[in-house]
């Protein structure tokens, strides 16, 4: 995307704040920060059962691609990414409901199917031709693609009306190494809305400089930030917890399906990276959705880096100070936010219903080399929920920083050399010329 004042300010803040930050340190666990919800058994391990994953329209859950892949013009000097709300994208004709619906039908008769475009809170992208005299992107992709899937909308009188299928989209960029043969492929998943964009540009560049092909999710799937308001009964949280769990399971699954399809596309486009190491890095929302992405393909990644990720989406949604800014999920007990006891009750009920929350799918990463970067003053992805995810991952190597969410990310470009060195060390066996075998999570006893 073209440079903006906000992106330049973000980069400058990173340089200005870095000298003020504590150096990365490995830290002992903070037992007091672990929520009592750690004891919840709930749906742990259900992610291993394919039937627990929500299949997409026209697909069985056993199919490796749960939608369709559409290659987009990369156009290093001719095209640029444009971000837009669903309302804006549809008004400009950037998203084509009819065409994408036809692709999902794949030749099936469509007399009883109606494709819908969710609007409220939906966000995405478009590859557009550069305007005259418009400068090219600062980090143009070598290739770009779009993943499209459909979800059936439950209606009480489905037999009396056409079946409704809601369309969802996820966009990816592919970048080649700066020079030399590719070492492998790195999946990079940013925060919500693709933020902080300038920071993740630098993350991509660091991977490129170390000879990685980079597959970058431009942002979470388009419906990941779709608005949901839940009114919670303080006496009986079951209905709200079930609805919230179903919603997040769908959002987490879509992240996994999109990465699964994009990875297959990337390895088809770059056959030289097949059978080479795969690493995955997620930040903020991208780190929250990293465990379910890995759970869809357990044992497929050789190393993982999670930056400010958290577990227990219910507690994060109820306590994050980003609620107003993100404007996606609103949880209310009457006309107010929940008390700590009410939030904990919701969390317990939610975790008992959820299948794909990082609280459960963290198990899929056990045995995989992991680096966990944590902000002890974070209020966006609350520090306590980051601690919980670290615990659920089995207490992997971590860097505990005495900073908040924003400071962590504006300084991330200056920490990337150390993160890349950690990846080099984790993949040392592969670097000796052997075909690295990824680790598989142990089967439950």
Protein backbone atom coordinates (compact mmCIF):
# COMPACT_ATOMS: atom_id res chain seq x y z
CA UNK A 1 0.00 0.00 0.00
CA UNK A 2 1.09 3.54 -0.62
CA UNK A 3 2.82 5.34 2.28
CA UNK A 4 0.61 7.39 4.59
CA UNK A 5 1.41 9.90 7.34
CA UNK A 6 0.22 7.40 9.96
CA UNK A 7 2.62 4.74 8.68
CA UNK A 8 5.53 7.17 8.73
CA UNK A 9 4.64 8.29 12.27
CA UNK A 10 4.44 4.68 13.39
CA UNK A 11 7.91 3.96 12.02
CA UNK A 12 9.36 7.10 13.62
CA UNK A 13 7.78 6.28 16.97
CA UNK A 14 9.43 2.89 16.89
CA UNK A 15 12.86 4.49 16.49
CA UNK A 16 12.17 7.13 19.14
CA UNK A 17 10.79 4.79 21.79
CA UNK A 18 13.20 1.91 21.40
CA UNK A 19 15.99 3.34 23.57
CA UNK A 20 13.49 3.70 26.42
CA UNK A 21 12.44 0.05 26.43
CA UNK A 22 13.83 -2.69 28.57
CA UNK A 23 16.00 -5.19 26.77
CA UNK A 24 14.37 -8.51 25.84
CA UNK A 25 14.77 -10.96 28.68
CA UNK A 26 13.72 -14.50 29.34
CA UNK A 27 11.46 -14.47 32.37
CA UNK A 28 10.23 -16.85 35.02
CA UNK A 29 6.50 -17.59 35.03
CA UNK A 30 4.20 -15.24 36.90
CA UNK A 31 1.96 -17.70 38.71
CA UNK A 32 -0.29 -14.99 40.16
CA UNK A 33 -1.36 -13.92 36.70
CA UNK A 34 -2.79 -17.32 35.71
CA UNK A 35 -6.57 -17.19 35.75
CA UNK A 36 -8.50 -19.91 37.50
CA UNK A 37 -10.04 -20.83 34.16
CA UNK A 38 -6.87 -22.85 33.50
CA UNK A 39 -8.61 -25.76 35.20
CA UNK A 40 -11.47 -25.79 32.69
CA UNK A 41 -11.44 -29.02 30.72
CA UNK A 42 -14.21 -28.02 28.35
CA UNK A 43 -13.55 -28.76 24.70
CA UNK A 44 -9.80 -29.36 24.98
CA UNK A 45 -8.65 -31.74 22.27
CA UNK A 46 -11.85 -31.54 20.23
CA UNK A 47 -9.91 -29.70 17.52
CA UNK A 48 -8.34 -33.07 16.67
CA UNK A 49 -11.72 -34.35 15.45
CA UNK A 50 -12.34 -33.08 11.89
CA UNK A 51 -16.09 -33.18 12.47
CA UNK A 52 -15.69 -30.42 15.07
CA UNK A 53 -14.48 -27.98 12.39
CA UNK A 54 -17.21 -26.05 10.53
CA UNK A 55 -17.26 -27.05 6.86
CA UNK A 56 -17.73 -24.35 4.23
CA UNK A 57 -20.35 -24.19 1.51
CA UNK A 58 -19.93 -26.85 -1.15
CA UNK A 59 -17.15 -28.62 0.75
CA UNK A 60 -16.79 -31.51 3.14
CA UNK A 61 -14.53 -30.90 6.09
CA UNK A 62 -12.07 -33.50 4.79
CA UNK A 63 -11.33 -31.40 1.70
CA UNK A 64 -8.02 -29.53 2.04
CA UNK A 65 -9.31 -26.36 0.37
CA UNK A 66 -12.53 -24.99 1.89
CA UNK A 67 -13.15 -22.38 -0.80
CA UNK A 68 -11.64 -21.04 -4.00
CA UNK A 69 -8.35 -19.30 -4.75
CA UNK A 70 -8.32 -16.33 -7.12
CA UNK A 71 -4.98 -15.00 -8.33
CA UNK A 72 -4.78 -11.21 -8.34
CA UNK A 73 -2.54 -8.87 -10.35
CA UNK A 74 0.69 -8.29 -8.48
CA UNK A 75 1.78 -5.44 -10.72
CA UNK A 76 4.90 -4.27 -8.95
CA UNK A 77 4.65 -0.90 -10.70
CA UNK A 78 1.03 -0.96 -11.84
CA UNK A 79 -1.16 -1.98 -8.89
CA UNK A 80 -1.55 -1.27 -5.19
CA UNK A 81 -3.53 -2.62 -2.26
CA UNK A 82 -6.54 -0.55 -1.20
CA UNK A 83 -8.21 -1.14 2.16
CA UNK A 84 -11.94 -0.59 2.54
CA UNK A 85 -15.01 -1.43 4.55
CA UNK A 86 -17.47 -3.81 2.91
CA UNK A 87 -19.80 -0.90 2.23
CA UNK A 88 -17.10 1.03 0.41
CA UNK A 89 -15.73 -1.95 -1.48
CA UNK A 90 -19.15 -3.01 -2.75
CA UNK A 91 -20.10 0.55 -3.69
CA UNK A 92 -16.91 0.85 -5.76
CA UNK A 93 -17.47 -2.52 -7.41
CA UNK A 94 -14.28 -3.92 -5.88
CA UNK A 95 -16.01 -7.04 -4.55
CA UNK A 96 -18.11 -8.99 -7.03
CA UNK A 97 -20.79 -11.03 -5.27
CA UNK A 98 -22.12 -12.69 -8.42
CA UNK A 99 -18.70 -13.68 -9.75
CA UNK A 100 -17.44 -15.00 -6.42
CA UNK A 101 -20.69 -16.88 -5.90
CA UNK A 102 -20.34 -18.53 -9.30
CA UNK A 103 -16.84 -19.65 -8.39
CA UNK A 104 -18.11 -21.18 -5.16
CA UNK A 105 -20.89 -22.99 -7.03
CA UNK A 106 -18.32 -24.50 -9.38
CA UNK A 107 -20.91 -25.43 -11.98
CA UNK A 108 -23.69 -26.44 -9.57
CA UNK A 109 -27.24 -25.31 -10.24
CA UNK A 110 -27.99 -22.15 -8.25
CA UNK A 111 -31.78 -21.95 -8.42
CA UNK A 112 -32.16 -22.36 -4.64
CA UNK A 113 -29.09 -20.45 -3.45
CA UNK A 114 -28.73 -16.76 -2.71
CA UNK A 115 -25.31 -15.25 -1.97
CA UNK A 116 -25.14 -12.49 0.62
CA UNK A 117 -22.56 -9.88 1.59
CA UNK A 118 -22.33 -9.23 5.34
CA UNK A 119 -21.69 -5.51 5.89
CA UNK A 120 -21.54 -4.48 9.53
CA UNK A 121 -17.90 -4.35 10.64
CA UNK A 122 -16.66 -6.28 7.60
CA UNK A 123 -13.28 -5.17 6.25
CA UNK A 124 -10.98 -6.09 3.37
CA UNK A 125 -8.88 -5.12 0.38
CA UNK A 126 -8.69 -4.75 -3.38
CA UNK A 127 -5.83 -4.69 -5.89
CA UNK A 128 -6.35 -1.54 -7.91
CA UNK A 129 -4.49 0.00 -10.84
CA UNK A 130 -2.26 2.86 -9.76
CA UNK A 131 -3.52 6.33 -10.59
CA UNK A 132 -1.46 8.55 -12.94
CA UNK A 133 1.66 9.84 -11.18
CA UNK A 134 0.89 7.75 -8.09
CA UNK A 135 4.09 6.28 -6.62
CA UNK A 136 4.36 2.48 -6.52
CA UNK A 137 3.98 0.57 -3.28
CA UNK A 138 6.97 0.67 -0.98
CA UNK A 139 6.81 -3.13 -0.64
CA UNK A 140 5.18 -4.52 -3.80
CA UNK A 141 4.35 -8.24 -3.77
CA UNK A 142 5.70 -10.67 -6.35
CA UNK A 143 2.25 -12.32 -6.43
CA UNK A 144 -1.12 -11.82 -4.78
CA UNK A 145 -4.22 -13.91 -4.21
CA UNK A 146 -7.69 -13.93 -2.74
CA UNK A 147 -9.35 -16.79 -0.85
CA UNK A 148 -13.14 -16.87 -1.01
CA UNK A 149 -15.41 -19.16 0.99
CA UNK A 150 -19.08 -19.36 1.87
CA UNK A 151 -21.00 -20.05 5.06
CA UNK A 152 -24.60 -21.20 5.09
CA UNK A 153 -26.89 -18.86 7.01
CA UNK A 154 -29.25 -20.69 9.34
CA UNK A 155 -32.87 -19.76 8.71
CA UNK A 156 -35.88 -21.24 10.52
CA UNK A 157 -37.78 -21.77 7.26
CA UNK A 158 -34.98 -22.87 4.96
CA UNK A 159 -37.31 -25.03 2.85
CA UNK A 160 -39.60 -22.10 2.12
CA UNK A 161 -36.94 -19.73 0.83
CA UNK A 162 -33.67 -19.91 -1.15
CA UNK A 163 -30.69 -21.07 0.88
CA UNK A 164 -28.54 -18.08 1.86
CA UNK A 165 -24.75 -18.28 1.76
CA UNK A 166 -22.61 -15.48 3.21
CA UNK A 167 -19.38 -14.75 1.34
CA UNK A 168 -16.06 -14.27 3.13
CA UNK A 169 -12.72 -13.18 1.68
CA UNK A 170 -9.08 -13.19 2.77
CA UNK A 171 -6.21 -11.54 0.88
CA UNK A 172 -2.53 -12.54 0.72
CA UNK A 173 0.71 -11.16 -0.70
CA UNK A 174 3.70 -13.30 -1.69
CA UNK A 175 7.24 -11.92 -1.51
CA UNK A 176 10.43 -13.52 -2.81
CA UNK A 177 13.78 -13.50 -0.98
CA UNK A 178 15.97 -10.46 -1.52
CA UNK A 179 18.65 -12.69 -3.02
CA UNK A 180 19.82 -16.27 -3.13
CA UNK A 181 17.87 -19.53 -3.17
CA UNK A 182 14.81 -19.70 -0.94
CA UNK A 183 15.37 -21.27 2.45
CA UNK A 184 11.68 -22.01 2.99
CA UNK A 185 8.40 -20.19 3.49
CA UNK A 186 7.37 -17.88 6.32
CA UNK A 187 3.71 -17.21 7.07
CA UNK A 188 3.16 -13.74 8.55
CA UNK A 189 -0.16 -12.84 10.19
CA UNK A 190 -0.64 -9.24 11.38
CA UNK A 191 -3.00 -7.63 13.87
CA UNK A 192 -6.61 -6.68 13.16
CA UNK A 193 -7.12 -4.68 9.95
CA UNK A 194 -3.56 -5.58 8.95
CA UNK A 195 -2.10 -3.31 11.61
CA UNK A 196 0.46 -2.04 12.29
CA UNK A 197 1.09 -2.05 8.54
CA UNK A 198 4.45 -0.28 8.47
CA UNK A 199 5.75 -2.56 11.21
CA UNK A 200 4.76 -5.71 9.34
CA UNK A 201 6.38 -4.31 6.20
CA UNK A 202 9.61 -4.42 8.17
CA UNK A 203 8.89 -7.94 9.42
CA UNK A 204 8.52 -9.06 5.81
CA UNK A 205 11.77 -7.38 4.82
CA UNK A 206 13.66 -9.13 7.61
CA UNK A 207 12.43 -12.51 6.39
CA UNK A 208 13.29 -11.62 2.80
CA UNK A 209 16.81 -10.65 3.82
CA UNK A 210 17.27 -14.11 5.37
CA UNK A 211 16.21 -15.83 2.12
CA UNK A 212 12.62 -16.67 3.03
CA UNK A 213 9.66 -16.63 0.69
CA UNK A 214 7.04 -14.71 2.67
CA UNK A 215 3.30 -15.35 2.56
CA UNK A 216 1.62 -12.40 4.23
CA UNK A 217 -2.00 -12.40 5.30
CA UNK A 218 -3.00 -8.80 4.57
CA UNK A 219 -5.51 -8.89 7.43
CA UNK A 220 -7.74 -11.45 9.11
CA UNK A 221 -10.66 -12.74 6.98
CA UNK A 222 -13.20 -10.08 6.10
CA UNK A 223 -15.81 -11.19 8.64
CA UNK A 224 -13.34 -11.53 11.51
CA UNK A 225 -14.34 -8.06 12.73
CA UNK A 226 -18.04 -8.39 11.89
CA UNK A 227 -20.02 -6.71 14.67
CA UNK A 228 -21.59 -8.84 17.35
CA UNK A 229 -23.42 -7.48 20.41
CA UNK A 230 -24.37 -9.92 23.14
CA UNK A 231 -26.57 -9.20 26.13
CA UNK A 232 -25.51 -11.53 28.93
CA UNK A 233 -27.74 -12.82 31.68
CA UNK A 234 -25.65 -12.67 34.89
CA UNK A 235 -27.55 -15.66 36.28
CA UNK A 236 -27.35 -17.88 33.19
CA UNK A 237 -24.44 -17.25 30.81
CA UNK A 238 -24.89 -20.44 28.78
CA UNK A 239 -26.76 -18.96 25.79
CA UNK A 240 -24.36 -16.02 25.38
CA UNK A 241 -21.30 -18.25 25.89
CA UNK A 242 -22.51 -20.71 23.26
CA UNK A 243 -23.16 -17.92 20.75
CA UNK A 244 -19.76 -16.34 21.40
CA UNK A 245 -17.98 -19.69 21.13
CA UNK A 246 -19.71 -20.50 17.84
CA UNK A 247 -18.81 -17.07 16.44
CA UNK A 248 -15.15 -17.25 17.39
CA UNK A 249 -14.83 -20.86 16.24
CA UNK A 250 -16.07 -19.74 12.81
CA UNK A 251 -13.59 -16.84 12.75
CA UNK A 252 -10.67 -18.98 13.88
CA UNK A 253 -11.56 -21.71 11.38
CA UNK A 254 -11.67 -19.21 8.52
CA UNK A 255 -8.16 -18.02 9.38
CA UNK A 256 -7.00 -21.63 9.26
CA UNK A 257 -8.78 -22.39 5.97
CA UNK A 258 -7.41 -19.25 4.35
CA UNK A 259 -3.81 -20.00 5.35
CA UNK A 260 -4.20 -23.62 4.30
CA UNK A 261 -5.35 -22.57 0.82
CA UNK A 262 -2.79 -19.77 0.51
CA UNK A 263 0.07 -22.07 1.51
CA UNK A 264 -0.94 -24.61 -1.14
CA UNK A 265 -1.11 -21.79 -3.71
CA UNK A 266 2.30 -20.42 -2.66
CA UNK A 267 3.99 -23.80 -2.86
CA UNK A 268 2.44 -24.37 -6.26
CA UNK A 269 3.70 -20.96 -7.42
CA UNK A 270 7.14 -21.53 -5.90
CA UNK A 271 7.79 -25.29 -6.21
CA UNK A 272 11.37 -24.81 -5.01
CA UNK A 273 10.10 -24.30 -1.45
CA UNK A 274 8.24 -27.61 -1.27
CA UNK A 275 9.71 -29.88 1.40
CA UNK A 276 11.63 -26.94 2.84
CA UNK A 277 11.07 -25.49 6.31
CA UNK A 278 7.87 -23.61 7.13
CA UNK A 279 7.76 -21.06 9.92
CA UNK A 280 4.83 -18.99 11.13
CA UNK A 281 4.75 -15.61 12.90
CA UNK A 282 1.69 -13.85 14.26
CA UNK A 283 1.26 -10.57 16.08
CA UNK A 284 -1.67 -9.49 18.26
CA UNK A 285 -4.82 -10.78 16.50
CA UNK A 286 -2.53 -12.80 14.24
CA UNK A 287 -0.96 -14.47 17.29
CA UNK A 288 -4.39 -15.19 18.79
CA UNK A 289 -5.39 -17.02 15.61
CA UNK A 290 -2.02 -18.75 15.11
CA UNK A 291 -2.82 -21.82 17.27
CA UNK A 292 -6.02 -22.67 15.36
CA UNK A 293 -4.15 -22.17 12.07
CA UNK A 294 -1.55 -24.70 13.19
CA UNK A 295 -4.27 -27.00 14.53
CA UNK A 296 -5.71 -27.32 11.02
CA UNK A 297 -2.33 -28.67 9.84
CA UNK A 298 -0.69 -30.06 13.01
CA UNK A 299 2.94 -30.92 12.49
CA UNK A 300 3.30 -28.77 9.37
CA UNK A 301 5.42 -25.98 10.84
CA UNK A 302 9.02 -26.13 11.99
CA UNK A 303 8.99 -23.03 14.22
CA UNK A 304 6.49 -20.46 15.49
CA UNK A 305 6.77 -16.92 16.84
CA UNK A 306 3.82 -15.48 18.77
CA UNK A 307 3.89 -11.77 19.62
CA UNK A 308 1.34 -10.42 22.11
CA UNK A 309 -1.08 -13.28 21.56
CA UNK A 310 -3.67 -14.32 24.11
CA UNK A 311 -6.03 -17.16 24.97
CA UNK A 312 -9.72 -17.07 25.97
CA UNK A 313 -11.39 -14.81 23.44
CA UNK A 314 -14.34 -14.16 25.79
CA UNK A 315 -12.16 -12.57 28.46
CA UNK A 316 -10.14 -10.64 25.87
CA UNK A 317 -13.33 -9.27 24.28
CA UNK A 318 -14.75 -8.34 27.68
CA UNK A 319 -11.65 -6.61 29.06
CA UNK A 320 -9.62 -5.22 26.14
CA UNK A 321 -9.16 -1.47 26.03
CA UNK A 322 -9.42 -1.71 22.23
CA UNK A 323 -13.15 -2.46 22.32
CA UNK A 324 -14.18 1.01 21.13
CA UNK A 325 -11.48 1.23 18.47
CA UNK A 326 -12.05 -2.21 16.99
CA UNK A 327 -15.84 -1.89 17.41
CA UNK A 328 -16.43 -5.58 16.70
CA UNK A 329 -17.61 -7.58 19.72
CA UNK A 330 -19.56 -5.88 22.50
CA UNK A 331 -20.41 -7.85 25.62
CA UNK A 332 -22.88 -6.22 28.01
CA UNK A 333 -24.48 -7.21 31.26
CA UNK A 334 -27.56 -5.03 30.97
CA UNK A 335 -26.27 -1.54 30.19
CA UNK A 336 -22.79 -2.05 31.61
CA UNK A 337 -19.63 -4.08 31.28
CA UNK A 338 -19.21 -7.18 33.40
CA UNK A 339 -17.64 -7.31 36.83
CA UNK A 340 -14.54 -9.48 37.22
CA UNK A 341 -16.68 -12.27 38.69
CA UNK A 342 -19.19 -12.02 35.81
CA UNK A 343 -16.44 -12.07 33.20
CA UNK A 344 -14.90 -15.13 34.84
CA UNK A 345 -18.27 -16.91 34.81
CA UNK A 346 -18.67 -16.11 31.11
CA UNK A 347 -15.12 -17.31 30.44
CA UNK A 348 -15.76 -20.67 32.06
CA UNK A 349 -18.95 -21.21 30.10
CA UNK A 350 -17.32 -20.00 26.88
CA UNK A 351 -14.31 -22.31 27.18
CA UNK A 352 -16.62 -25.24 27.80
CA UNK A 353 -18.31 -24.55 24.44
CA UNK A 354 -15.38 -23.33 22.33
CA UNK A 355 -13.42 -25.78 20.22
CA UNK A 356 -10.85 -23.65 18.39
CA UNK A 357 -9.89 -20.95 20.87
CA UNK A 358 -6.15 -20.71 21.39
CA UNK A 359 -6.79 -21.96 24.92
CA UNK A 360 -7.54 -25.37 23.40
CA UNK A 361 -5.60 -25.35 20.12
CA UNK A 362 -2.35 -24.30 21.81
CA UNK A 363 -1.86 -28.04 22.26
CA UNK A 364 -1.30 -28.36 18.50
CA UNK A 365 2.01 -26.47 18.87
CA UNK A 366 3.52 -28.60 21.58
CA UNK A 367 6.79 -30.09 20.35
CA UNK A 368 7.27 -27.24 17.86
CA UNK A 369 10.06 -24.73 18.65
CA UNK A 370 8.32 -21.58 19.84
CA UNK A 371 9.28 -18.05 20.81
CA UNK A 372 6.69 -16.10 22.79
CA UNK A 373 7.07 -12.31 22.97
CA UNK A 374 4.91 -10.87 25.74
CA UNK A 375 4.05 -7.35 26.92
CA UNK A 376 3.52 -7.25 30.68
CA UNK A 377 1.61 -3.92 30.57
CA UNK A 378 -0.62 -4.81 27.64
CA UNK A 379 -4.27 -3.82 27.89
CA UNK A 380 -5.25 -4.44 24.26
CA UNK A 381 -4.55 -8.16 24.48
CA UNK A 382 -4.58 -8.13 28.28
CA UNK A 383 -1.32 -9.24 29.84
CA UNK A 384 -3.09 -11.88 31.94
CA UNK A 385 -4.47 -13.51 28.79
CA UNK A 386 -1.00 -13.49 27.22
CA UNK A 387 0.28 -15.24 30.33
CA UNK A 388 -2.51 -17.78 30.00
CA UNK A 389 -1.61 -18.57 26.39
CA UNK A 390 2.05 -18.96 27.32
CA UNK A 391 1.02 -21.46 30.00
CA UNK A 392 -1.25 -23.36 27.60
CA UNK A 393 1.60 -23.58 25.08
CA UNK A 394 3.69 -25.37 27.68
CA UNK A 395 5.81 -22.38 28.77
CA UNK A 396 8.02 -22.10 25.68
CA UNK A 397 10.99 -19.78 25.45
CA UNK A 398 9.80 -16.21 25.85
CA UNK A 399 10.80 -12.57 26.00
CA UNK A 400 8.84 -10.72 28.69
CA UNK A 401 8.88 -6.97 28.11
CA UNK A 402 7.79 -4.33 30.59
CA UNK A 403 5.81 -2.39 27.96
CA UNK A 404 2.30 -1.99 26.58
CA UNK A 405 0.80 -3.18 23.30
CA UNK A 406 1.62 -0.14 21.17
CA UNK A 407 5.19 0.22 22.41
CA UNK A 408 5.86 -3.45 21.78
CA UNK A 409 4.83 -3.19 18.14
CA UNK A 410 6.39 0.15 17.23
CA UNK A 411 9.69 -1.28 18.49
CA UNK A 412 9.26 -4.65 16.78
CA UNK A 413 11.33 -3.80 13.65
CA UNK A 414 14.31 -3.22 15.92
CA UNK A 415 13.76 -6.56 17.63
CA UNK A 416 13.43 -8.54 14.41
CA UNK A 417 17.14 -9.29 14.03
CA UNK A 418 17.06 -11.10 17.36
CA UNK A 419 13.89 -12.95 16.37
CA UNK A 420 15.45 -14.00 13.07
CA UNK A 421 18.54 -15.24 14.93
CA UNK A 422 16.26 -17.30 17.15
CA UNK A 423 14.61 -18.84 14.06
CA UNK A 424 18.04 -19.63 12.60
CA UNK A 425 18.98 -21.42 15.81
CA UNK A 426 15.67 -23.30 15.98
CA UNK A 427 16.14 -24.56 12.42
CA UNK A 428 19.80 -25.41 12.78
CA UNK A 429 19.25 -29.07 11.91
CA UNK A 430 17.57 -28.11 8.63
CA UNK A 431 20.44 -25.76 7.82
CA UNK A 432 22.87 -28.69 7.96
CA UNK A 433 21.31 -29.89 4.70
CA UNK A 434 18.85 -32.39 6.14
CA UNK A 435 15.17 -32.37 5.27
CA UNK A 436 13.64 -31.06 8.44
CA UNK A 437 10.70 -32.97 9.83
CA UNK A 438 8.18 -30.82 11.68
CA UNK A 439 7.08 -31.87 15.14
CA UNK A 440 3.70 -33.48 15.72
CA UNK A 441 1.72 -32.80 18.89
CA UNK A 442 1.46 -35.80 21.19
CA UNK A 443 -1.78 -37.72 21.24
CA UNK A 444 -3.76 -37.27 24.45
CA UNK A 445 -3.53 -40.13 26.91
